[in-house]
Amino acid sequence: MHSLEDLLHLMNRLRDPQYGCPWDIKQTYETIVPHTLEEAYEVADAIERGDFDHLQGELGDLLFQVVYYSQLAREENRFEFAGVVDSITRKLIRRHPHVFPTGDLYAPMDLPRLSEEQVKQRWEEIKAEERAEKAAAPEQLSLLDDVPVALPALSRAAKLQKRAGQVGFDWPDPLPVLDKVREELDEVLEAMADNDSVAISDEIGDLLFSVVNLARHLKIDPETALRDANGKFERRFRFIEQALRDTHRPMEDCTLEELDALWGEAKRQEKNLPSCG
């Protein structure tokens, strides 16, 4: 069985200027980023589908992305893969003082167990300390500085809101957020009435941001909720396609009412309810 050392050696060979792979040789940090995002989503997809037979391979693909960046950095004398491992290990030891109170990774685990809420609170305190340490002028450091720009928009909106909420810039409960969603929806309608495409785009963004806020207050991950909704739509649309294939009817020849009736049938079958008529 191959080891991590084998993978690092393989990466080095792929980037060899004389004998390596032409495609791999020309890659940069920037060109690899799209592949990294794709591999991360493929890991998430395998988990969501319960496809554990392929999860090992998808995790390998994701690990290779880390190895790739580390090789690029090594060539520029910035850092190596061993430094990546050391960095994350040190960080996790520091962020888990309830597990590693002395900072010794192999010390006996004999501390009393903390609640999940206490762990989360301490985690955020430590992260805040780390952010302050990074700043040359702490008074100018924004709480939002380390929220990655490349995150999916829904996830980034939730992180921005959560970060602002840590200093009290937040609604106290979900009901005012729901009122805000209604307010933003009214503003979309107003922009539509004015036929102002720029304003419509702006208000749709505000509406989405408010919906993310509502999901966060209800302890729902918006990215997961939307992925589930996407899956639901896909299943029901495929049901309609199959039903029309069975009757040899093109979808284009159906009325919206007929398609909506098939949509309702798909919903009933998902809920295991008997069809009406």
C-alpha atoms as a PDB file:
ATOM      1  CA  MET A   1       0.000   0.000   0.000  1.00  0.00           C
ATOM      2  CA  HIS A   2       1.325   3.432  -0.920  1.00  0.00           C
ATOM      3  CA  SER A   3       2.172   5.961   1.790  1.00  0.00           C
ATOM      4  CA  LEU A   4       1.968   9.717   2.124  1.00  0.00           C
ATOM      5  CA  GLU A   5       5.670   9.869   1.311  1.00  0.00           C
ATOM      6  CA  ASP A   6       4.917   8.107  -1.983  1.00  0.00           C
ATOM      7  CA  LEU A   7       2.298  10.728  -2.820  1.00  0.00           C
ATOM      8  CA  LEU A   8       4.704  13.577  -2.075  1.00  0.00           C
ATOM      9  CA  HIS A   9       7.346  11.900  -4.255  1.00  0.00           C
ATOM     10  CA  LEU A  10       4.797  11.456  -7.047  1.00  0.00           C
ATOM     11  CA  MET A  11       3.909  15.153  -6.875  1.00  0.00           C
ATOM     12  CA  ASN A  12       7.557  16.107  -7.077  1.00  0.00           C
ATOM     13  CA  ARG A  13       7.984  13.913 -10.164  1.00  0.00           C
ATOM     14  CA  LEU A  14       4.928  15.387 -11.856  1.00  0.00           C
ATOM     15  CA  ARG A  15       6.407  18.880 -11.467  1.00  0.00           C
ATOM     16  CA  ASP A  16       9.918  17.940 -12.571  1.00  0.00           C
ATOM     17  CA  PRO A  17      10.875  20.630 -15.114  1.00  0.00           C
ATOM     18  CA  GLN A  18      12.539  18.159 -17.455  1.00  0.00           C
ATOM     19  CA  TYR A  19      10.714  14.863 -17.067  1.00  0.00           C
ATOM     20  CA  GLY A  20       7.407  15.804 -15.462  1.00  0.00           C
ATOM     21  CA  CYS A  21       3.903  16.102 -16.888  1.00  0.00           C
ATOM     22  CA  PRO A  22       3.486  19.173 -19.163  1.00  0.00           C
ATOM     23  CA  TRP A  23       0.043  19.940 -17.734  1.00  0.00           C
ATOM     24  CA  ASP A  24       1.194  19.734 -14.126  1.00  0.00           C
ATOM     25  CA  ILE A  25       4.329  21.779 -14.778  1.00  0.00           C
ATOM     26  CA  LYS A  26       2.363  24.784 -16.042  1.00  0.00           C
ATOM     27  CA  GLN A  27      -0.130  24.899 -13.148  1.00  0.00           C
ATOM     28  CA  THR A  28      -0.153  27.725 -10.585  1.00  0.00           C
ATOM     29  CA  TYR A  29      -1.927  28.368  -7.278  1.00  0.00           C
ATOM     30  CA  GLU A  30      -4.669  30.202  -9.159  1.00  0.00           C
ATOM     31  CA  THR A  31      -5.273  27.525 -11.788  1.00  0.00           C
ATOM     32  CA  ILE A  32      -5.577  24.790  -9.156  1.00  0.00           C
ATOM     33  CA  VAL A  33      -8.228  26.614  -7.072  1.00  0.00           C
ATOM     34  CA  PRO A  34     -11.210  25.594  -9.264  1.00  0.00           C
ATOM     35  CA  HIS A  35     -10.138  21.949  -9.008  1.00  0.00           C
ATOM     36  CA  THR A  36      -9.864  22.254  -5.220  1.00  0.00           C
ATOM     37  CA  LEU A  37     -13.406  23.606  -4.944  1.00  0.00           C
ATOM     38  CA  GLU A  38     -14.705  20.889  -7.253  1.00  0.00           C
ATOM     39  CA  GLU A  39     -13.017  18.129  -5.250  1.00  0.00           C
ATOM     40  CA  ALA A  40     -14.396  19.520  -1.980  1.00  0.00           C
ATOM     41  CA  TYR A  41     -17.923  19.454  -3.421  1.00  0.00           C
ATOM     42  CA  GLU A  42     -17.421  15.909  -4.670  1.00  0.00           C
ATOM     43  CA  VAL A  43     -16.509  14.841  -1.124  1.00  0.00           C
ATOM     44  CA  ALA A  44     -19.674  16.529   0.162  1.00  0.00           C
ATOM     45  CA  ASP A  45     -21.731  14.912  -2.598  1.00  0.00           C
ATOM     46  CA  ALA A  46     -20.452  11.425  -1.803  1.00  0.00           C
ATOM     47  CA  ILE A  47     -21.315  11.909   1.878  1.00  0.00           C
ATOM     48  CA  GLU A  48     -24.780  13.288   1.160  1.00  0.00           C
ATOM     49  CA  ARG A  49     -25.552  10.377  -1.170  1.00  0.00           C
ATOM     50  CA  GLY A  50     -24.167   7.875   1.333  1.00  0.00           C
ATOM     51  CA  ASP A  51     -21.704   6.719  -1.330  1.00  0.00           C
ATOM     52  CA  PHE A  52     -19.038   5.514   1.073  1.00  0.00           C
ATOM     53  CA  ASP A  53     -17.622   3.111  -1.517  1.00  0.00           C
ATOM     54  CA  HIS A  54     -16.275   6.134  -3.393  1.00  0.00           C
ATOM     55  CA  LEU A  55     -15.638   8.457  -0.441  1.00  0.00           C
ATOM     56  CA  GLN A  56     -12.086   7.184   0.037  1.00  0.00           C
ATOM     57  CA  GLY A  57     -11.209   8.086  -3.536  1.00  0.00           C
ATOM     58  CA  GLU A  58     -12.831  11.522  -3.286  1.00  0.00           C
ATOM     59  CA  LEU A  59     -10.887  12.259  -0.094  1.00  0.00           C
ATOM     60  CA  GLY A  60      -7.714  11.225  -1.890  1.00  0.00           C
ATOM     61  CA  ASP A  61      -8.493  13.699  -4.674  1.00  0.00           C
ATOM     62  CA  LEU A  62      -8.990  16.440  -2.082  1.00  0.00           C
ATOM     63  CA  LEU A  63      -5.768  15.535  -0.262  1.00  0.00           C
ATOM     64  CA  PHE A  64      -3.904  15.765  -3.568  1.00  0.00           C
ATOM     65  CA  GLN A  65      -4.956  19.415  -3.809  1.00  0.00           C
ATOM     66  CA  VAL A  66      -3.184  20.151  -0.505  1.00  0.00           C
ATOM     67  CA  VAL A  67      -0.123  18.264  -1.718  1.00  0.00           C
ATOM     68  CA  TYR A  68      -0.199  20.280  -4.956  1.00  0.00           C
ATOM     69  CA  TYR A  69      -0.209  23.659  -3.192  1.00  0.00           C
ATOM     70  CA  SER A  70       2.542  22.471  -0.879  1.00  0.00           C
ATOM     71  CA  GLN A  71       4.696  21.449  -3.847  1.00  0.00           C
ATOM     72  CA  LEU A  72       4.239  24.860  -5.465  1.00  0.00           C
ATOM     73  CA  ALA A  73       5.211  26.525  -2.176  1.00  0.00           C
ATOM     74  CA  ARG A  74       8.246  24.252  -1.768  1.00  0.00           C
ATOM     75  CA  GLU A  75       9.489  25.217  -5.220  1.00  0.00           C
ATOM     76  CA  GLU A  76       9.304  28.872  -4.144  1.00  0.00           C
ATOM     77  CA  ASN A  77      10.962  28.182  -0.770  1.00  0.00           C
ATOM     78  CA  ARG A  78       7.837  29.307   1.083  1.00  0.00           C
ATOM     79  CA  PHE A  79       6.921  26.162   3.033  1.00  0.00           C
ATOM     80  CA  GLU A  80       6.598  22.394   2.629  1.00  0.00           C
ATOM     81  CA  PHE A  81       3.890  19.812   3.287  1.00  0.00           C
ATOM     82  CA  ALA A  82       5.420  19.013   6.680  1.00  0.00           C
ATOM     83  CA  GLY A  83       4.885  22.650   7.636  1.00  0.00           C
ATOM     84  CA  VAL A  84       1.205  22.392   6.680  1.00  0.00           C
ATOM     85  CA  VAL A  85       0.818  19.380   8.964  1.00  0.00           C
ATOM     86  CA  ASP A  86       2.689  21.094  11.792  1.00  0.00           C
ATOM     87  CA  SER A  87       0.620  24.273  11.414  1.00  0.00           C
ATOM     88  CA  ILE A  88      -2.787  22.573  11.626  1.00  0.00           C
ATOM     89  CA  THR A  89      -1.667  20.312  14.478  1.00  0.00           C
ATOM     90  CA  ARG A  90      -0.429  23.276  16.523  1.00  0.00           C
ATOM     91  CA  LYS A  91      -3.630  25.205  15.801  1.00  0.00           C
ATOM     92  CA  LEU A  92      -5.912  22.362  16.871  1.00  0.00           C
ATOM     93  CA  ILE A  93      -3.945  21.742  20.055  1.00  0.00           C
ATOM     94  CA  ARG A  94      -4.216  25.453  20.871  1.00  0.00           C
ATOM     95  CA  ARG A  95      -7.940  25.532  20.122  1.00  0.00           C
ATOM     96  CA  HIS A  96      -8.687  22.492  22.285  1.00  0.00           C
ATOM     97  CA  PRO A  97      -7.275  23.362  25.724  1.00  0.00           C
ATOM     98  CA  HIS A  98     -10.030  21.220  27.254  1.00  0.00           C
ATOM     99  CA  VAL A  99      -8.413  18.188  25.569  1.00  0.00           C
ATOM    100  CA  PHE A 100      -4.724  19.258  25.585  1.00  0.00           C
ATOM    101  CA  PRO A 101      -4.373  21.492  28.664  1.00  0.00           C
ATOM    102  CA  THR A 102      -0.581  21.331  28.709  1.00  0.00           C
ATOM    103  CA  GLY A 103      -0.184  21.531  24.953  1.00  0.00           C
ATOM    104  CA  ASP A 104       1.168  17.986  24.942  1.00  0.00           C
ATOM    105  CA  LEU A 105      -0.459  15.968  22.168  1.00  0.00           C
ATOM    106  CA  TYR A 106       0.179  12.680  23.971  1.00  0.00           C
ATOM    107  CA  ALA A 107      -0.597  13.670  27.566  1.00  0.00           C
ATOM    108  CA  PRO A 108      -3.148  11.496  29.437  1.00  0.00           C
ATOM    109  CA  MET A 109      -6.758  12.546  28.842  1.00  0.00           C
ATOM    110  CA  ASP A 110      -8.057  12.935  32.384  1.00  0.00           C
ATOM    111  CA  LEU A 111      -9.860  16.314  32.348  1.00  0.00           C
ATOM    112  CA  PRO A 112     -13.594  16.716  33.069  1.00  0.00           C
ATOM    113  CA  ARG A 113     -15.709  16.842  29.912  1.00  0.00           C
ATOM    114  CA  LEU A 114     -17.010  20.281  28.857  1.00  0.00           C
ATOM    115  CA  SER A 115     -20.432  20.899  27.336  1.00  0.00           C
ATOM    116  CA  GLU A 116     -20.695  21.556  23.613  1.00  0.00           C
ATOM    117  CA  GLU A 117     -21.701  25.174  24.311  1.00  0.00           C
ATOM    118  CA  GLN A 118     -18.641  25.740  26.511  1.00  0.00           C
ATOM    119  CA  VAL A 119     -16.418  24.281  23.800  1.00  0.00           C
ATOM    120  CA  LYS A 120     -17.942  26.556  21.132  1.00  0.00           C
ATOM    121  CA  GLN A 121     -17.540  29.628  23.337  1.00  0.00           C
ATOM    122  CA  ARG A 122     -13.908  28.870  24.059  1.00  0.00           C
ATOM    123  CA  TRP A 123     -13.281  28.105  20.381  1.00  0.00           C
ATOM    124  CA  GLU A 124     -14.558  31.537  19.362  1.00  0.00           C
ATOM    125  CA  GLU A 125     -12.505  33.229  22.093  1.00  0.00           C
ATOM    126  CA  ILE A 126      -9.330  31.539  20.887  1.00  0.00           C
ATOM    127  CA  LYS A 127     -10.063  32.406  17.245  1.00  0.00           C
ATOM    128  CA  ALA A 128     -10.599  36.045  18.270  1.00  0.00           C
ATOM    129  CA  GLU A 129      -7.240  36.012  20.044  1.00  0.00           C
ATOM    130  CA  GLU A 130      -5.598  34.585  16.933  1.00  0.00           C
ATOM    131  CA  ARG A 131      -7.114  37.277  14.729  1.00  0.00           C
ATOM    132  CA  ALA A 132      -5.842  39.971  17.075  1.00  0.00           C
ATOM    133  CA  GLU A 133      -2.349  38.448  17.039  1.00  0.00           C
ATOM    134  CA  LYS A 134      -2.283  38.613  13.232  1.00  0.00           C
ATOM    135  CA  ALA A 135      -3.027  42.309  13.131  1.00  0.00           C
ATOM    136  CA  ALA A 136      -0.216  44.831  13.212  1.00  0.00           C
ATOM    137  CA  ALA A 137      -2.751  47.363  14.536  1.00  0.00           C
ATOM    138  CA  PRO A 138      -5.454  45.436  16.392  1.00  0.00           C
ATOM    139  CA  GLU A 139      -7.712  48.466  16.658  1.00  0.00           C
ATOM    140  CA  GLN A 140      -8.001  48.492  12.845  1.00  0.00           C
ATOM    141  CA  LEU A 141      -8.704  44.754  12.500  1.00  0.00           C
ATOM    142  CA  SER A 142     -12.157  43.910  11.178  1.00  0.00           C
ATOM    143  CA  LEU A 143     -14.023  40.936  12.568  1.00  0.00           C
ATOM    144  CA  LEU A 144     -14.798  40.017   8.980  1.00  0.00           C
ATOM    145  CA  ASP A 145     -11.223  39.930   7.691  1.00  0.00           C
ATOM    146  CA  ASP A 146     -10.758  36.170   7.670  1.00  0.00           C
ATOM    147  CA  VAL A 147     -14.143  35.190   6.224  1.00  0.00           C
ATOM    148  CA  PRO A 148     -12.985  33.731   2.878  1.00  0.00           C
ATOM    149  CA  VAL A 149     -14.229  35.591  -0.187  1.00  0.00           C
ATOM    150  CA  ALA A 150     -14.219  32.372  -2.226  1.00  0.00           C
ATOM    151  CA  LEU A 151     -16.842  30.670  -0.051  1.00  0.00           C
ATOM    152  CA  PRO A 152     -20.195  29.915  -1.696  1.00  0.00           C
ATOM    153  CA  ALA A 153     -22.301  33.044  -1.332  1.00  0.00           C
ATOM    154  CA  LEU A 154     -24.873  31.489   1.010  1.00  0.00           C
ATOM    155  CA  SER A 155     -22.227  30.083   3.328  1.00  0.00           C
ATOM    156  CA  ARG A 156     -20.283  33.342   3.333  1.00  0.00           C
ATOM    157  CA  ALA A 157     -23.425  35.340   4.140  1.00  0.00           C
ATOM    158  CA  ALA A 158     -24.076  33.092   7.140  1.00  0.00           C
ATOM    159  CA  LYS A 159     -20.482  33.436   8.351  1.00  0.00           C
ATOM    160  CA  LEU A 160     -20.531  37.223   7.993  1.00  0.00           C
ATOM    161  CA  GLN A 161     -23.790  37.406   9.957  1.00  0.00           C
ATOM    162  CA  LYS A 162     -22.530  35.061  12.650  1.00  0.00           C
ATOM    163  CA  ARG A 163     -19.307  37.036  13.024  1.00  0.00           C
ATOM    164  CA  ALA A 164     -21.225  40.339  13.374  1.00  0.00           C
ATOM    165  CA  GLY A 165     -23.560  38.671  15.866  1.00  0.00           C
ATOM    166  CA  GLN A 166     -20.632  37.947  18.176  1.00  0.00           C
ATOM    167  CA  VAL A 167     -20.475  41.640  19.053  1.00  0.00           C
ATOM    168  CA  GLY A 168     -24.226  42.119  19.365  1.00  0.00           C
ATOM    169  CA  PHE A 169     -24.989  43.251  15.805  1.00  0.00           C
ATOM    170  CA  ASP A 170     -27.836  40.780  15.392  1.00  0.00           C
ATOM    171  CA  TRP A 171     -31.570  40.273  15.809  1.00  0.00           C
ATOM    172  CA  PRO A 172     -32.591  38.786  19.184  1.00  0.00           C
ATOM    173  CA  ASP A 173     -34.822  36.038  17.719  1.00  0.00           C
ATOM    174  CA  PRO A 174     -36.177  34.772  14.373  1.00  0.00           C
ATOM    175  CA  LEU A 175     -39.435  36.781  14.269  1.00  0.00           C
ATOM    176  CA  PRO A 176     -37.846  40.190  13.511  1.00  0.00           C
ATOM    177  CA  VAL A 177     -35.771  38.466  10.846  1.00  0.00           C
ATOM    178  CA  LEU A 178     -38.954  37.118   9.279  1.00  0.00           C
ATOM    179  CA  ASP A 179     -40.336  40.668   9.231  1.00  0.00           C
ATOM    180  CA  LYS A 180     -37.122  41.741   7.474  1.00  0.00           C
ATOM    181  CA  VAL A 181     -37.617  39.019   4.850  1.00  0.00           C
ATOM    182  CA  ARG A 182     -41.133  40.345   4.177  1.00  0.00           C
ATOM    183  CA  GLU A 183     -39.763  43.897   3.973  1.00  0.00           C
ATOM    184  CA  GLU A 184     -37.117  42.880   1.456  1.00  0.00           C
ATOM    185  CA  LEU A 185     -39.714  41.002  -0.610  1.00  0.00           C
ATOM    186  CA  ASP A 186     -41.865  44.159  -0.745  1.00  0.00           C
ATOM    187  CA  GLU A 187     -38.813  46.077  -1.977  1.00  0.00           C
ATOM    188  CA  VAL A 188     -38.317  43.513  -4.743  1.00  0.00           C
ATOM    189  CA  LEU A 189     -41.930  44.106  -5.805  1.00  0.00           C
ATOM    190  CA  GLU A 190     -41.362  47.864  -5.825  1.00  0.00           C
ATOM    191  CA  ALA A 191     -38.256  47.477  -8.004  1.00  0.00           C
ATOM    192  CA  MET A 192     -40.212  45.224 -10.350  1.00  0.00           C
ATOM    193  CA  ALA A 193     -42.957  47.827 -10.590  1.00  0.00           C
ATOM    194  CA  ASP A 194     -40.327  50.399 -11.600  1.00  0.00           C
ATOM    195  CA  ASN A 195     -38.861  47.918 -14.115  1.00  0.00           C
ATOM    196  CA  ASP A 196     -35.412  48.808 -12.773  1.00  0.00           C
ATOM    197  CA  SER A 197     -33.139  45.816 -13.461  1.00  0.00           C
ATOM    198  CA  VAL A 198     -30.268  47.173 -11.353  1.00  0.00           C
ATOM    199  CA  ALA A 199     -32.557  47.783  -8.383  1.00  0.00           C
ATOM    200  CA  ILE A 200     -34.192  44.360  -8.846  1.00  0.00           C
ATOM    201  CA  SER A 201     -30.793  42.656  -8.688  1.00  0.00           C
ATOM    202  CA  ASP A 202     -29.868  44.669  -5.603  1.00  0.00           C
ATOM    203  CA  GLU A 203     -33.140  43.879  -3.820  1.00  0.00           C
ATOM    204  CA  ILE A 204     -32.973  40.178  -4.727  1.00  0.00           C
ATOM    205  CA  GLY A 205     -29.536  40.123  -3.102  1.00  0.00           C
ATOM    206  CA  ASP A 206     -30.930  41.759   0.030  1.00  0.00           C
ATOM    207  CA  LEU A 207     -33.787  39.245   0.070  1.00  0.00           C
ATOM    208  CA  LEU A 208     -31.420  36.299  -0.198  1.00  0.00           C
ATOM    209  CA  PHE A 209     -29.195  37.747   2.534  1.00  0.00           C
ATOM    210  CA  SER A 210     -32.244  38.084   4.810  1.00  0.00           C
ATOM    211  CA  VAL A 211     -33.361  34.513   4.092  1.00  0.00           C
ATOM    212  CA  VAL A 212     -29.877  33.298   5.030  1.00  0.00           C
ATOM    213  CA  ASN A 213     -30.190  35.267   8.261  1.00  0.00           C
ATOM    214  CA  LEU A 214     -33.542  33.626   8.982  1.00  0.00           C
ATOM    215  CA  ALA A 215     -32.047  30.176   8.357  1.00  0.00           C
ATOM    216  CA  ARG A 216     -29.155  30.971  10.703  1.00  0.00           C
ATOM    217  CA  HIS A 217     -31.515  32.052  13.491  1.00  0.00           C
ATOM    218  CA  LEU A 218     -33.472  28.827  13.030  1.00  0.00           C
ATOM    219  CA  LYS A 219     -30.175  26.879  13.212  1.00  0.00           C
ATOM    220  CA  ILE A 220     -30.495  25.711   9.603  1.00  0.00           C
ATOM    221  CA  ASP A 221     -27.438  25.653   7.353  1.00  0.00           C
ATOM    222  CA  PRO A 222     -28.593  27.602   4.260  1.00  0.00           C
ATOM    223  CA  GLU A 223     -26.177  25.855   1.898  1.00  0.00           C
ATOM    224  CA  THR A 224     -27.457  22.439   2.981  1.00  0.00           C
ATOM    225  CA  ALA A 225     -31.076  23.587   2.830  1.00  0.00           C
ATOM    226  CA  LEU A 226     -30.651  24.859  -0.731  1.00  0.00           C
ATOM    227  CA  ARG A 227     -28.820  21.695  -1.818  1.00  0.00           C
ATOM    228  CA  ASP A 228     -31.712  19.672  -0.410  1.00  0.00           C
ATOM    229  CA  ALA A 229     -34.179  21.885  -2.282  1.00  0.00           C
ATOM    230  CA  ASN A 230     -32.165  21.397  -5.472  1.00  0.00           C
ATOM    231  CA  GLY A 231     -32.316  17.644  -4.976  1.00  0.00           C
ATOM    232  CA  LYS A 232     -36.036  17.772  -4.336  1.00  0.00           C
ATOM    233  CA  PHE A 233     -36.631  19.801  -7.510  1.00  0.00           C
ATOM    234  CA  GLU A 234     -34.494  17.419  -9.545  1.00  0.00           C
ATOM    235  CA  ARG A 235     -36.339  14.332  -8.286  1.00  0.00           C
ATOM    236  CA  ARG A 236     -39.745  15.823  -9.034  1.00  0.00           C
ATOM    237  CA  PHE A 237     -38.747  17.161 -12.439  1.00  0.00           C
ATOM    238  CA  ARG A 238     -37.347  13.753 -13.406  1.00  0.00           C
ATOM    239  CA  PHE A 239     -40.661  12.210 -12.299  1.00  0.00           C
ATOM    240  CA  ILE A 240     -42.501  14.538 -14.689  1.00  0.00           C
ATOM    241  CA  GLU A 241     -40.106  13.671 -17.523  1.00  0.00           C
ATOM    242  CA  GLN A 242     -40.594   9.933 -16.952  1.00  0.00           C
ATOM    243  CA  ALA A 243     -44.371  10.246 -16.688  1.00  0.00           C
ATOM    244  CA  LEU A 244     -44.495  12.060 -20.024  1.00  0.00           C
ATOM    245  CA  ARG A 245     -42.153   9.537 -21.641  1.00  0.00           C
ATOM    246  CA  ASP A 246     -44.510   6.773 -20.501  1.00  0.00           C
ATOM    247  CA  THR A 247     -47.374   8.490 -22.318  1.00  0.00           C
ATOM    248  CA  HIS A 248     -45.239   9.503 -25.318  1.00  0.00           C
ATOM    249  CA  ARG A 249     -45.916  13.211 -24.835  1.00  0.00           C
ATOM    250  CA  PRO A 250     -43.308  15.934 -25.311  1.00  0.00           C
ATOM    251  CA  MET A 251     -43.124  18.310 -22.369  1.00  0.00           C
ATOM    252  CA  GLU A 252     -43.368  21.245 -24.736  1.00  0.00           C
ATOM    253  CA  ASP A 253     -46.899  20.134 -25.735  1.00  0.00           C
ATOM    254  CA  CYS A 254     -48.186  20.169 -22.126  1.00  0.00           C
ATOM    255  CA  THR A 255     -49.918  23.076 -20.467  1.00  0.00           C
ATOM    256  CA  LEU A 256     -48.543  24.531 -17.266  1.00  0.00           C
ATOM    257  CA  GLU A 257     -51.613  23.160 -15.480  1.00  0.00           C
ATOM    258  CA  GLU A 258     -50.837  19.625 -16.688  1.00  0.00           C
ATOM    259  CA  LEU A 259     -47.215  19.906 -15.621  1.00  0.00           C
ATOM    260  CA  ASP A 260     -48.273  21.300 -12.244  1.00  0.00           C
ATOM    261  CA  ALA A 261     -50.604  18.334 -11.770  1.00  0.00           C
ATOM    262  CA  LEU A 262     -47.712  15.949 -12.391  1.00  0.00           C
ATOM    263  CA  TRP A 263     -45.605  17.965  -9.961  1.00  0.00           C
ATOM    264  CA  GLY A 264     -48.330  17.472  -7.346  1.00  0.00           C
ATOM    265  CA  GLU A 265     -48.334  13.748  -8.073  1.00  0.00           C
ATOM    266  CA  ALA A 266     -44.567  13.627  -7.543  1.00  0.00           C
ATOM    267  CA  LYS A 267     -45.005  15.357  -4.181  1.00  0.00           C
ATOM    268  CA  ARG A 268     -47.727  12.916  -3.148  1.00  0.00           C
ATOM    269  CA  GLN A 269     -45.577   9.923  -4.045  1.00  0.00           C
ATOM    270  CA  GLU A 270     -42.665  11.335  -2.053  1.00  0.00           C
ATOM    271  CA  LYS A 271     -44.918  11.599   0.980  1.00  0.00           C
ATOM    272  CA  ASN A 272     -46.383   8.119   0.329  1.00  0.00           C
ATOM    273  CA  LEU A 273     -49.867   9.582   0.111  1.00  0.00           C
ATOM    274  CA  PRO A 274     -52.521   8.049  -2.153  1.00  0.00           C
ATOM    275  CA  SER A 275     -53.224   9.880  -5.399  1.00  0.00           C
ATOM    276  CA  CYS A 276     -56.527  11.719  -5.641  1.00  0.00           C
ATOM    277  CA  GLY A 277     -58.337  10.469  -8.724  1.00  0.00           C
END
